[in-house]
Amino acid sequence: MAKITLSAGQRFFARDMPRAIWEITKVYEGTDGVPYVQLRNVEDPSRLKTVSVSALRQRSLWGFVPDPKRPDED
């Protein structure tokens, strides 16, 4: 995956659960100085996850779901 700028609204799937789509709700720096994203499950918005930006960029863990309205993000 090319290094894209992460922002709210972008979608990802976990490689171990490819049917579940997760959408970034916010990108922030934790109190430990590490950048994180908060993700919400698209089908069940009550399910939230927080993962580090570096983990989200690991192709072995997460896959990016391109937005057809933003062709430069694939």
Protein backbone atom coordinates (compact mmCIF):
# COMPACT_ATOMS: atom_id res chain seq x y z
CA MET A 1 0.00 0.00 0.00
CA ALA A 2 1.38 3.38 -0.91
CA LYS A 3 1.78 5.75 2.00
CA ILE A 4 -1.47 7.63 1.93
CA THR A 5 -2.47 10.40 4.26
CA LEU A 6 -4.95 8.94 6.71
CA SER A 7 -8.16 10.87 7.30
CA ALA A 8 -11.68 10.40 8.60
CA GLY A 9 -13.91 8.47 6.23
CA GLN A 10 -11.26 6.15 4.79
CA ARG A 11 -12.10 2.45 5.04
CA PHE A 12 -10.05 -0.62 5.83
CA PHE A 13 -10.59 -4.31 6.47
CA ALA A 14 -8.72 -6.57 8.84
CA ARG A 15 -6.98 -9.38 6.95
CA ASP A 16 -8.24 -11.94 9.48
CA MET A 17 -11.86 -10.72 9.10
CA PRO A 18 -12.16 -9.38 5.53
CA ARG A 19 -15.96 -9.05 5.58
CA ALA A 20 -15.90 -6.44 8.36
CA ILE A 21 -15.24 -2.95 7.01
CA TRP A 22 -13.81 -0.34 9.38
CA GLU A 23 -13.95 3.41 8.81
CA ILE A 24 -11.60 5.98 10.33
CA THR A 25 -13.50 8.36 12.59
CA LYS A 26 -10.47 10.29 13.82
CA VAL A 27 -6.69 10.43 13.66
CA TYR A 28 -4.90 11.67 16.76
CA GLU A 29 -1.70 11.54 18.78
CA GLY A 30 -1.91 9.55 21.99
CA THR A 31 -0.48 10.70 25.31
CA ASP A 32 2.47 8.39 24.57
CA GLY A 33 3.26 10.41 21.42
CA VAL A 34 2.20 7.62 19.07
CA PRO A 35 -0.25 8.45 16.26
CA TYR A 36 -3.50 6.43 16.41
CA VAL A 37 -6.74 6.09 14.50
CA GLN A 38 -10.15 5.34 15.90
CA LEU A 39 -12.10 2.98 13.68
CA ARG A 40 -15.81 2.19 13.68
CA ASN A 41 -17.41 -0.84 12.12
CA VAL A 42 -19.49 0.24 9.13
CA GLU A 43 -22.21 -2.37 9.75
CA ASP A 44 -22.30 -1.92 13.53
CA PRO A 45 -21.26 1.63 14.49
CA SER A 46 -21.31 0.70 18.19
CA ARG A 47 -18.13 -1.36 17.58
CA LEU A 48 -15.02 0.81 17.87
CA LYS A 49 -11.30 -0.01 17.68
CA THR A 50 -8.22 2.05 18.32
CA VAL A 51 -5.07 1.03 16.45
CA SER A 52 -1.76 2.72 15.86
CA VAL A 53 -1.17 4.28 12.47
CA SER A 54 1.87 2.03 11.99
CA ALA A 55 -0.27 -1.10 12.60
CA LEU A 56 -2.95 0.13 10.19
CA ARG A 57 -0.27 0.57 7.50
CA GLN A 58 0.92 -3.05 7.85
CA ARG A 59 -0.34 -4.87 4.77
CA SER A 60 -0.24 -8.20 6.59
CA LEU A 61 -2.81 -6.89 9.11
CA TRP A 62 -5.00 -4.40 7.24
CA GLY A 63 -6.20 -3.82 3.69
CA PHE A 64 -7.28 -0.47 2.29
CA VAL A 65 -10.71 -0.12 0.67
CA PRO A 66 -10.30 2.46 -2.12
CA ASP A 67 -12.94 5.17 -2.41
CA PRO A 68 -14.16 5.31 -6.01
CA LYS A 69 -14.61 9.06 -5.62
CA ARG A 70 -10.89 9.46 -4.81
CA PRO A 71 -8.99 7.54 -7.50
CA ASP A 72 -5.59 8.69 -6.19
CA GLU A 73 -6.01 6.49 -3.07
CA ASP A 74 -5.27 2.96 -4.18
